[in-house]
PDB file of N, CA and C in Angstrom:
ATOM      1  N   MET A   1      73.123  15.613 100.136  1.00  0.00           N
ATOM      2  CA  MET A   1      72.587  16.868  99.597  1.00  0.00           C
ATOM      3  C   MET A   1      72.208  17.730 100.823  1.00  0.00           C
ATOM      4  N   GLU A   2      72.756  18.955 100.823  1.00  0.00           N
ATOM      5  CA  GLU A   2      72.463  19.902 101.937  1.00  0.00           C
ATOM      6  C   GLU A   2      71.475  20.992 101.311  1.00  0.00           C
ATOM      7  N   LYS A   3      70.480  21.366 102.263  1.00  0.00           N
ATOM      8  CA  LYS A   3      69.549  22.450 101.716  1.00  0.00           C
ATOM      9  C   LYS A   3      69.827  23.630 102.666  1.00  0.00           C
ATOM     10  N   LEU A   4      69.979  24.793 102.165  1.00  0.00           N
ATOM     11  CA  LEU A   4      70.218  25.964 102.784  1.00  0.00           C
ATOM     12  C   LEU A   4      69.142  27.075 102.417  1.00  0.00           C
ATOM     13  N   GLU A   5      68.815  27.943 103.309  1.00  0.00           N
ATOM     14  CA  GLU A   5      67.956  29.043 102.874  1.00  0.00           C
ATOM     15  C   GLU A   5      68.296  30.364 103.455  1.00  0.00           C
ATOM     16  N   TYR A   6      68.334  31.383 102.812  1.00  0.00           N
ATOM     17  CA  TYR A   6      68.740  32.649 103.332  1.00  0.00           C
ATOM     18  C   TYR A   6      67.676  33.713 102.982  1.00  0.00           C
ATOM     19  N   HIS A   7      67.502  34.780 103.747  1.00  0.00           N
ATOM     20  CA  HIS A   7      66.568  35.855 103.467  1.00  0.00           C
ATOM     21  C   HIS A   7      67.264  37.170 103.604  1.00  0.00           C
ATOM     22  N   PHE A   8      67.020  38.063 102.656  1.00  0.00           N
ATOM     23  CA  PHE A   8      67.809  39.334 102.526  1.00  0.00           C
ATOM     24  C   PHE A   8      66.657  40.455 102.381  1.00  0.00           C
ATOM     25  N   SER A   9      66.882  41.532 103.095  1.00  0.00           N
ATOM     26  CA  SER A   9      66.088  42.791 102.791  1.00  0.00           C
ATOM     27  C   SER A   9      66.817  43.577 101.841  1.00  0.00           C
ATOM     28  N   THR A  10      66.290  43.968 100.663  1.00  0.00           N
ATOM     29  CA  THR A  10      67.031  44.687  99.650  1.00  0.00           C
ATOM     30  C   THR A  10      65.984  45.423  98.758  1.00  0.00           C
ATOM     31  N   PRO A  11      66.278  46.464  98.184  1.00  0.00           N
ATOM     32  CA  PRO A  11      65.319  47.174  97.241  1.00  0.00           C
ATOM     33  C   PRO A  11      64.853  46.258  96.174  1.00  0.00           C
ATOM     34  N   THR A  12      63.620  46.634  95.639  1.00  0.00           N
ATOM     35  CA  THR A  12      63.055  45.686  94.657  1.00  0.00           C
ATOM     36  C   THR A  12      63.607  46.010  93.246  1.00  0.00           C
ATOM     37  N   ILE A  13      63.611  44.862  92.469  1.00  0.00           N
ATOM     38  CA  ILE A  13      63.940  44.824  91.066  1.00  0.00           C
ATOM     39  C   ILE A  13      62.734  44.880  90.210  1.00  0.00           C
ATOM     40  N   GLU A  14      62.762  45.425  89.156  1.00  0.00           N
ATOM     41  CA  GLU A  14      61.628  45.266  88.162  1.00  0.00           C
ATOM     42  C   GLU A  14      62.030  44.178  87.154  1.00  0.00           C
ATOM     43  N   PRO A  15      61.291  43.137  87.067  1.00  0.00           N
ATOM     44  CA  PRO A  15      61.577  42.020  86.239  1.00  0.00           C
ATOM     45  C   PRO A  15      61.107  42.341  84.754  1.00  0.00           C
ATOM     46  N   ALA A  16      62.044  41.946  83.800  1.00  0.00           N
ATOM     47  CA  ALA A  16      61.705  42.064  82.443  1.00  0.00           C
ATOM     48  C   ALA A  16      61.102  40.665  81.875  1.00  0.00           C
ATOM     49  N   HIS A  17      61.365  39.701  82.686  1.00  0.00           N
ATOM     50  CA  HIS A  17      60.889  38.171  82.400  1.00  0.00           C
ATOM     51  C   HIS A  17      60.179  37.720  83.678  1.00  0.00           C
ATOM     52  N   GLY A  18      59.280  36.802  83.492  1.00  0.00           N
ATOM     53  CA  GLY A  18      58.527  36.170  84.597  1.00  0.00           C
ATOM     54  C   GLY A  18      59.487  35.288  85.445  1.00  0.00           C
ATOM     55  N   ALA A  19      60.297  34.562  84.752  1.00  0.00           N
ATOM     56  CA  ALA A  19      61.307  33.682  85.407  1.00  0.00           C
ATOM     57  C   ALA A  19      62.484  33.460  84.409  1.00  0.00           C
ATOM     58  N   VAL A  20      63.616  33.200  85.126  1.00  0.00           N
ATOM     59  CA  VAL A  20      64.914  33.034  84.320  1.00  0.00           C
ATOM     60  C   VAL A  20      65.659  31.859  84.851  1.00  0.00           C
ATOM     61  N   LEU A  21      66.170  30.931  84.009  1.00  0.00           N
ATOM     62  CA  LEU A  21      67.012  29.873  84.277  1.00  0.00           C
ATOM     63  C   LEU A  21      68.342  30.041  83.637  1.00  0.00           C
ATOM     64  N   CYS A  22      69.429  30.024  84.476  1.00  0.00           N
ATOM     65  CA  CYS A  22      70.779  30.218  83.967  1.00  0.00           C
ATOM     66  C   CYS A  22      71.747  29.139  84.512  1.00  0.00           C
ATOM     67  N   GLY A  23      72.485  28.683  83.637  1.00  0.00           N
ATOM     68  CA  GLY A  23      73.548  27.639  84.058  1.00  0.00           C
ATOM     69  C   GLY A  23      72.995  26.281  83.948  1.00  0.00           C
ATOM     70  N   VAL A  24      73.776  25.236  84.254  1.00  0.00           N
ATOM     71  CA  VAL A  24      73.389  23.830  84.121  1.00  0.00           C
ATOM     72  C   VAL A  24      73.890  23.104  85.518  1.00  0.00           C
ATOM     73  N   VAL A  25      73.196  22.186  85.886  1.00  0.00           N
ATOM     74  CA  VAL A  25      73.649  21.332  87.003  1.00  0.00           C
ATOM     75  C   VAL A  25      74.599  20.294  86.380  1.00  0.00           C
ATOM     76  N   GLY A  26      75.872  20.337  86.810  1.00  0.00           N
ATOM     77  CA  GLY A  26      76.845  19.419  86.361  1.00  0.00           C
ATOM     78  C   GLY A  26      78.023  19.562  87.408  1.00  0.00           C
ATOM     79  N   SER A  27      78.941  18.700  87.197  1.00  0.00           N
ATOM     80  CA  SER A  27      80.166  18.746  88.024  1.00  0.00           C
ATOM     81  C   SER A  27      80.877  20.112  88.117  1.00  0.00           C
ATOM     82  N   GLY A  28      81.019  20.770  89.219  1.00  0.00           N
ATOM     83  CA  GLY A  28      81.642  22.035  89.261  1.00  0.00           C
ATOM     84  C   GLY A  28      80.854  23.174  88.744  1.00  0.00           C
ATOM     85  N   ASN A  29      79.555  22.976  88.557  1.00  0.00           N
ATOM     86  CA  ASN A  29      78.657  24.062  88.027  1.00  0.00           C
ATOM     87  C   ASN A  29      77.387  24.223  88.882  1.00  0.00           C
ATOM     88  N   LEU A  30      76.450  24.974  88.453  1.00  0.00           N
ATOM     89  CA  LEU A  30      75.213  25.066  89.132  1.00  0.00           C
ATOM     90  C   LEU A  30      74.164  25.753  88.218  1.00  0.00           C
ATOM     91  N   GLU A  31      72.920  25.599  88.519  1.00  0.00           N
ATOM     92  CA  GLU A  31      71.822  26.443  87.907  1.00  0.00           C
ATOM     93  C   GLU A  31      71.214  27.263  88.866  1.00  0.00           C
ATOM     94  N   VAL A  32      70.829  28.488  88.364  1.00  0.00           N
ATOM     95  CA  VAL A  32      70.058  29.450  89.193  1.00  0.00           C
ATOM     96  C   VAL A  32      68.786  29.745  88.456  1.00  0.00           C
ATOM     97  N   LEU A  33      67.676  29.715  89.294  1.00  0.00           N
ATOM     98  CA  LEU A  33      66.326  30.056  88.769  1.00  0.00           C
ATOM     99  C   LEU A  33      65.920  31.305  89.586  1.00  0.00           C
ATOM    100  N   VAL A  34      65.520  32.328  88.854  1.00  0.00           N
ATOM    101  CA  VAL A  34      65.015  33.573  89.433  1.00  0.00           C
ATOM    102  C   VAL A  34      63.663  33.745  89.026  1.00  0.00           C
ATOM    103  N   ARG A  35      62.757  33.915  90.049  1.00  0.00           N
ATOM    104  CA  ARG A  35      61.321  34.170  89.747  1.00  0.00           C
ATOM    105  C   ARG A  35      60.791  35.171  90.714  1.00  0.00           C
ATOM    106  N   PRO A  36      59.750  35.836  90.284  1.00  0.00           N
ATOM    107  CA  PRO A  36      59.101  36.748  91.082  1.00  0.00           C
ATOM    108  C   PRO A  36      58.546  36.110  92.409  1.00  0.00           C
ATOM    109  N   ALA A  37      58.612  36.870  93.498  1.00  0.00           N
ATOM    110  CA  ALA A  37      58.198  36.465  94.805  1.00  0.00           C
ATOM    111  C   ALA A  37      57.011  37.476  95.225  1.00  0.00           C
ATOM    112  N   ASP A  38      56.399  36.965  96.320  1.00  0.00           N
ATOM    113  CA  ASP A  38      55.240  37.853  96.792  1.00  0.00           C
ATOM    114  C   ASP A  38      55.643  39.037  97.569  1.00  0.00           C
ATOM    115  N   THR A  39      56.872  39.038  98.147  1.00  0.00           N
ATOM    116  CA  THR A  39      57.307  40.117  99.068  1.00  0.00           C
ATOM    117  C   THR A  39      58.206  40.993  98.244  1.00  0.00           C
ATOM    118  N   ALA A  40      57.849  42.297  98.241  1.00  0.00           N
ATOM    119  CA  ALA A  40      58.577  43.284  97.271  1.00  0.00           C
ATOM    120  C   ALA A  40      59.944  43.543  97.874  1.00  0.00           C
ATOM    121  N   ALA A  41      60.119  43.835  99.129  1.00  0.00           N
ATOM    122  CA  ALA A  41      61.492  44.362  99.616  1.00  0.00           C
ATOM    123  C   ALA A  41      62.334  43.301 100.257  1.00  0.00           C
ATOM    124  N   SER A  42      62.123  42.012  99.839  1.00  0.00           N
ATOM    125  CA  SER A  42      62.959  41.026 100.269  1.00  0.00           C
ATOM    126  C   SER A  42      63.261  39.967  99.265  1.00  0.00           C
ATOM    127  N   CYS A  43      64.296  39.134  99.470  1.00  0.00           N
ATOM    128  CA  CYS A  43      64.739  38.147  98.566  1.00  0.00           C
ATOM    129  C   CYS A  43      64.939  36.823  99.451  1.00  0.00           C
ATOM    130  N   THR A  44      64.424  35.751  98.915  1.00  0.00           N
ATOM    131  CA  THR A  44      64.668  34.430  99.554  1.00  0.00           C
ATOM    132  C   THR A  44      65.589  33.652  98.544  1.00  0.00           C
ATOM    133  N   ILE A  45      66.638  33.109  99.031  1.00  0.00           N
ATOM    134  CA  ILE A  45      67.469  32.303  98.276  1.00  0.00           C
ATOM    135  C   ILE A  45      67.630  30.827  98.878  1.00  0.00           C
ATOM    136  N   GLU A  46      67.157  29.974  98.101  1.00  0.00           N
ATOM    137  CA  GLU A  46      67.208  28.510  98.450  1.00  0.00           C
ATOM    138  C   GLU A  46      68.269  27.795  97.748  1.00  0.00           C
ATOM    139  N   ILE A  47      69.112  27.025  98.444  1.00  0.00           N
ATOM    140  CA  ILE A  47      70.184  26.314  97.795  1.00  0.00           C
ATOM    141  C   ILE A  47      70.106  24.780  98.141  1.00  0.00           C
ATOM    142  N   LYS A  48      70.331  24.061  97.134  1.00  0.00           N
ATOM    143  CA  LYS A  48      70.408  22.560  97.233  1.00  0.00           C
ATOM    144  C   LYS A  48      71.834  22.320  96.733  1.00  0.00           C
ATOM    145  N   THR A  49      72.719  21.824  97.538  1.00  0.00           N
ATOM    146  CA  THR A  49      74.037  21.698  97.161  1.00  0.00           C
ATOM    147  C   THR A  49      74.674  20.250  97.428  1.00  0.00           C
ATOM    148  N   SER A  50      75.507  19.658  96.654  1.00  0.00           N
ATOM    149  CA  SER A  50      76.235  18.340  97.001  1.00  0.00           C
ATOM    150  C   SER A  50      77.392  18.507  97.955  1.00  0.00           C
ATOM    151  N   ALA A  51      77.750  19.825  98.117  1.00  0.00           N
ATOM    152  CA  ALA A  51      78.847  20.086  99.066  1.00  0.00           C
ATOM    153  C   ALA A  51      78.422  20.478 100.399  1.00  0.00           C
ATOM    154  N   ARG A  52      78.505  19.633 101.375  1.00  0.00           N
ATOM    155  CA  ARG A  52      78.140  19.875 102.676  1.00  0.00           C
ATOM    156  C   ARG A  52      78.964  20.757 103.475  1.00  0.00           C
ATOM    157  N   GLY A  53      78.487  21.541 104.427  1.00  0.00           N
ATOM    158  CA  GLY A  53      79.363  22.226 105.414  1.00  0.00           C
ATOM    159  C   GLY A  53      79.924  23.523 104.964  1.00  0.00           C
ATOM    160  N   PHE A  54      79.398  24.146 103.871  1.00  0.00           N
ATOM    161  CA  PHE A  54      79.921  25.415 103.443  1.00  0.00           C
ATOM    162  C   PHE A  54      78.998  26.552 103.581  1.00  0.00           C
ATOM    163  N   GLY A  55      78.023  26.445 104.559  1.00  0.00           N
ATOM    164  CA  GLY A  55      77.103  27.437 104.774  1.00  0.00           C
ATOM    165  C   GLY A  55      77.648  28.863 104.984  1.00  0.00           C
ATOM    166  N   ASN A  56      78.728  28.929 105.757  1.00  0.00           N
ATOM    167  CA  ASN A  56      79.351  30.366 105.898  1.00  0.00           C
ATOM    168  C   ASN A  56      80.036  30.844 104.702  1.00  0.00           C
ATOM    169  N   ILE A  57      80.412  29.969 103.672  1.00  0.00           N
ATOM    170  CA  ILE A  57      80.931  30.569 102.410  1.00  0.00           C
ATOM    171  C   ILE A  57      79.713  31.020 101.608  1.00  0.00           C
ATOM    172  N   TRP A  58      78.743  30.259 101.558  1.00  0.00           N
ATOM    173  CA  TRP A  58      77.462  30.634 100.843  1.00  0.00           C
ATOM    174  C   TRP A  58      77.012  31.994 101.458  1.00  0.00           C
ATOM    175  N   GLN A  59      76.915  32.138 102.740  1.00  0.00           N
ATOM    176  CA  GLN A  59      76.458  33.305 103.323  1.00  0.00           C
ATOM    177  C   GLN A  59      77.246  34.603 102.885  1.00  0.00           C
ATOM    178  N   ALA A  60      78.584  34.411 102.815  1.00  0.00           N
ATOM    179  CA  ALA A  60      79.556  35.474 102.326  1.00  0.00           C
ATOM    180  C   ALA A  60      79.356  35.760 100.885  1.00  0.00           C
ATOM    181  N   VAL A  61      79.169  34.881  99.994  1.00  0.00           N
ATOM    182  CA  VAL A  61      79.055  34.970  98.619  1.00  0.00           C
ATOM    183  C   VAL A  61      77.732  35.728  98.311  1.00  0.00           C
ATOM    184  N   LEU A  62      76.652  35.250  98.964  1.00  0.00           N
ATOM    185  CA  LEU A  62      75.324  35.773  98.843  1.00  0.00           C
ATOM    186  C   LEU A  62      75.231  37.264  99.315  1.00  0.00           C
ATOM    187  N   ALA A  63      75.980  37.523 100.494  1.00  0.00           N
ATOM    188  CA  ALA A  63      75.851  38.882 100.995  1.00  0.00           C
ATOM    189  C   ALA A  63      76.464  39.856 100.024  1.00  0.00           C
ATOM    190  N   GLU A  64      77.688  39.361  99.539  1.00  0.00           N
ATOM    191  CA  GLU A  64      78.364  40.283  98.405  1.00  0.00           C
ATOM    192  C   GLU A  64      77.466  40.541  97.235  1.00  0.00           C
ATOM    193  N   PHE A  65      76.772  39.538  96.775  1.00  0.00           N
ATOM    194  CA  PHE A  65      75.812  39.610  95.616  1.00  0.00           C
ATOM    195  C   PHE A  65      74.772  40.580  95.951  1.00  0.00           C
ATOM    196  N   ILE A  66      74.088  40.457  97.116  1.00  0.00           N
ATOM    197  CA  ILE A  66      73.058  41.388  97.472  1.00  0.00           C
ATOM    198  C   ILE A  66      73.580  42.855  97.653  1.00  0.00           C
ATOM    199  N   ALA A  67      74.764  42.917  98.111  1.00  0.00           N
ATOM    200  CA  ALA A  67      75.383  44.301  98.289  1.00  0.00           C
ATOM    201  C   ALA A  67      75.562  45.036  96.848  1.00  0.00           C
ATOM    202  N   ARG A  68      75.722  44.233  95.812  1.00  0.00           N
ATOM    203  CA  ARG A  68      75.931  44.768  94.534  1.00  0.00           C
ATOM    204  C   ARG A  68      74.579  44.860  93.655  1.00  0.00           C
ATOM    205  N   HIS A  69      73.458  44.127  94.015  1.00  0.00           N
ATOM    206  CA  HIS A  69      72.370  44.050  93.226  1.00  0.00           C
ATOM    207  C   HIS A  69      71.153  44.292  94.089  1.00  0.00           C
ATOM    208  N   SER A  70      70.106  44.984  93.647  1.00  0.00           N
ATOM    209  CA  SER A  70      68.785  45.106  94.167  1.00  0.00           C
ATOM    210  C   SER A  70      67.964  44.060  93.661  1.00  0.00           C
ATOM    211  N   VAL A  71      67.627  43.073  94.468  1.00  0.00           N
ATOM    212  CA  VAL A  71      66.869  41.797  94.079  1.00  0.00           C
ATOM    213  C   VAL A  71      65.548  41.618  94.876  1.00  0.00           C
ATOM    214  N   GLY A  72      65.090  42.724  95.497  1.00  0.00           N
ATOM    215  CA  GLY A  72      63.875  42.481  96.349  1.00  0.00           C
ATOM    216  C   GLY A  72      62.765  42.047  95.325  1.00  0.00           C
ATOM    217  N   GLY A  73      61.882  41.252  95.853  1.00  0.00           N
ATOM    218  CA  GLY A  73      60.658  40.785  95.054  1.00  0.00           C
ATOM    219  C   GLY A  73      61.033  39.619  94.323  1.00  0.00           C
ATOM    220  N   THR A  74      62.194  38.896  94.571  1.00  0.00           N
ATOM    221  CA  THR A  74      62.582  37.660  93.878  1.00  0.00           C
ATOM    222  C   THR A  74      62.705  36.444  94.839  1.00  0.00           C
ATOM    223  N   HIS A  75      62.531  35.361  94.240  1.00  0.00           N
ATOM    224  CA  HIS A  75      62.877  33.978  94.869  1.00  0.00           C
ATOM    225  C   HIS A  75      63.902  33.452  93.998  1.00  0.00           C
ATOM    226  N   ILE A  76      65.065  33.178  94.644  1.00  0.00           N
ATOM    227  CA  ILE A  76      66.237  32.528  93.805  1.00  0.00           C
ATOM    228  C   ILE A  76      66.488  31.127  94.368  1.00  0.00           C
ATOM    229  N   ALA A  77      66.330  30.229  93.417  1.00  0.00           N
ATOM    230  CA  ALA A  77      66.739  28.801  93.733  1.00  0.00           C
ATOM    231  C   ALA A  77      68.027  28.397  93.077  1.00  0.00           C
ATOM    232  N   ILE A  78      68.896  27.768  93.816  1.00  0.00           N
ATOM    233  CA  ILE A  78      70.193  27.364  93.249  1.00  0.00           C
ATOM    234  C   ILE A  78      70.344  25.877  93.510  1.00  0.00           C
ATOM    235  N   ASN A  79      70.631  25.179  92.373  1.00  0.00           N
ATOM    236  CA  ASN A  79      70.974  23.723  92.421  1.00  0.00           C
ATOM    237  C   ASN A  79      72.401  23.686  92.063  1.00  0.00           C
ATOM    238  N   ASP A  80      73.286  23.184  93.002  1.00  0.00           N
ATOM    239  CA  ASP A  80      74.682  23.248  92.983  1.00  0.00           C
ATOM    240  C   ASP A  80      75.266  21.890  93.082  1.00  0.00           C
ATOM    241  N   MET A  81      76.376  21.694  92.119  1.00  0.00           N
ATOM    242  CA  MET A  81      77.126  20.511  92.169  1.00  0.00           C
ATOM    243  C   MET A  81      78.620  20.777  92.334  1.00  0.00           C
ATOM    244  N   GLY A  82      78.873  21.610  93.467  1.00  0.00           N
ATOM    245  CA  GLY A  82      80.233  21.875  93.872  1.00  0.00           C
ATOM    246  C   GLY A  82      80.982  23.031  93.190  1.00  0.00           C
ATOM    247  N   ALA A  83      80.072  23.933  92.805  1.00  0.00           N
ATOM    248  CA  ALA A  83      80.795  25.158  92.011  1.00  0.00           C
ATOM    249  C   ALA A  83      81.538  25.978  93.076  1.00  0.00           C
ATOM    250  N   THR A  84      82.571  26.644  92.525  1.00  0.00           N
ATOM    251  CA  THR A  84      83.419  27.441  93.360  1.00  0.00           C
ATOM    252  C   THR A  84      82.728  28.783  93.578  1.00  0.00           C
ATOM    253  N   PRO A  85      83.139  29.560  94.499  1.00  0.00           N
ATOM    254  CA  PRO A  85      82.555  30.916  94.734  1.00  0.00           C
ATOM    255  C   PRO A  85      82.530  31.792  93.549  1.00  0.00           C
ATOM    256  N   ALA A  86      83.687  31.746  92.733  1.00  0.00           N
ATOM    257  CA  ALA A  86      83.686  32.571  91.501  1.00  0.00           C
ATOM    258  C   ALA A  86      82.540  32.143  90.404  1.00  0.00           C
ATOM    259  N   VAL A  87      82.333  30.874  90.340  1.00  0.00           N
ATOM    260  CA  VAL A  87      81.249  30.392  89.369  1.00  0.00           C
ATOM    261  C   VAL A  87      79.878  30.830  89.996  1.00  0.00           C
ATOM    262  N   VAL A  88      79.670  30.676  91.313  1.00  0.00           N
ATOM    263  CA  VAL A  88      78.392  31.083  91.836  1.00  0.00           C
ATOM    264  C   VAL A  88      78.168  32.476  91.567  1.00  0.00           C
ATOM    265  N   THR A  89      79.154  33.396  91.828  1.00  0.00           N
ATOM    266  CA  THR A  89      79.008  34.748  91.603  1.00  0.00           C
ATOM    267  C   THR A  89      78.726  35.088  90.064  1.00  0.00           C
ATOM    268  N   LEU A  90      79.240  34.384  89.211  1.00  0.00           N
ATOM    269  CA  LEU A  90      79.129  34.673  87.816  1.00  0.00           C
ATOM    270  C   LEU A  90      77.736  34.189  87.395  1.00  0.00           C
ATOM    271  N   ARG A  91      77.254  32.991  87.857  1.00  0.00           N
ATOM    272  CA  ARG A  91      75.907  32.565  87.501  1.00  0.00           C
ATOM    273  C   ARG A  91      74.833  33.401  88.152  1.00  0.00           C
ATOM    274  N   LEU A  92      74.894  33.947  89.404  1.00  0.00           N
ATOM    275  CA  LEU A  92      74.088  34.844  90.002  1.00  0.00           C
ATOM    276  C   LEU A  92      73.930  36.140  89.166  1.00  0.00           C
ATOM    277  N   ASP A  93      75.156  36.723  88.838  1.00  0.00           N
ATOM    278  CA  ASP A  93      75.180  37.941  88.066  1.00  0.00           C
ATOM    279  C   ASP A  93      74.470  37.792  86.721  1.00  0.00           C
ATOM    280  N   GLN A  94      74.711  36.609  86.003  1.00  0.00           N
ATOM    281  CA  GLN A  94      74.099  36.325  84.757  1.00  0.00           C
ATOM    282  C   GLN A  94      72.664  36.193  84.909  1.00  0.00           C
ATOM    283  N   ALA A  95      72.130  35.420  85.891  1.00  0.00           N
ATOM    284  CA  ALA A  95      70.735  35.257  86.058  1.00  0.00           C
ATOM    285  C   ALA A  95      69.948  36.582  86.371  1.00  0.00           C
ATOM    286  N   ILE A  96      70.457  37.417  87.319  1.00  0.00           N
ATOM    287  CA  ILE A  96      69.824  38.671  87.584  1.00  0.00           C
ATOM    288  C   ILE A  96      69.931  39.582  86.423  1.00  0.00           C
ATOM    289  N   SER A  97      70.965  39.593  85.712  1.00  0.00           N
ATOM    290  CA  SER A  97      70.990  40.447  84.474  1.00  0.00           C
ATOM    291  C   SER A  97      69.903  40.063  83.464  1.00  0.00           C
ATOM    292  N   GLN A  98      69.746  38.719  83.237  1.00  0.00           N
ATOM    293  CA  GLN A  98      68.634  38.306  82.407  1.00  0.00           C
ATOM    294  C   GLN A  98      67.366  38.535  82.918  1.00  0.00           C
ATOM    295  N   TYR A  99      67.124  38.370  84.204  1.00  0.00           N
ATOM    296  CA  TYR A  99      65.760  38.719  84.765  1.00  0.00           C
ATOM    297  C   TYR A  99      65.311  40.238  84.642  1.00  0.00           C
ATOM    298  N   ALA A 100      66.433  41.055  84.760  1.00  0.00           N
ATOM    299  CA  ALA A 100      66.152  42.472  84.487  1.00  0.00           C
ATOM    300  C   ALA A 100      66.107  42.893  83.037  1.00  0.00           C
ATOM    301  N   GLY A 101      66.341  42.024  82.186  1.00  0.00           N
ATOM    302  CA  GLY A 101      66.328  42.304  80.728  1.00  0.00           C
ATOM    303  C   GLY A 101      67.652  42.571  80.017  1.00  0.00           C
ATOM    304  N   GLY A 102      68.782  42.334  80.809  1.00  0.00           N
ATOM    305  CA  GLY A 102      70.115  42.722  80.236  1.00  0.00           C
ATOM    306  C   GLY A 102      70.505  41.611  79.218  1.00  0.00           C
ATOM    307  N   LEU A 103      70.858  40.489  79.492  1.00  0.00           N
ATOM    308  CA  LEU A 103      71.406  39.473  78.617  1.00  0.00           C
ATOM    309  C   LEU A 103      70.140  38.728  77.966  1.00  0.00           C
ATOM    310  N   ARG A 104      70.318  38.419  76.637  1.00  0.00           N
ATOM    311  CA  ARG A 104      69.290  37.747  75.997  1.00  0.00           C
ATOM    312  C   ARG A 104      69.796  36.589  75.259  1.00  0.00           C
TER     313      ARG A 104
END
């Protein structure tokens, strides 16, 4: 199990919910937990993954996500079981949409 942590400066998002859990931990999938953080203009993303050695791929996927979404004021935890970048992007988009009040 590899643990990764990333920090991003980004505009703040207004949460519609206190915390959101999206996805399931299973083969080729992951779960994303979004919760409020103490710092308004930044986002911390912690990843626990079964696939070691993909830090540069995670960095690229997360940077693209941050470029599309204002997620300041959040702490995002990801528990991964080998999801592809497309699945990671899908789950992150779903989770932040739910957090902001979009999907129910």
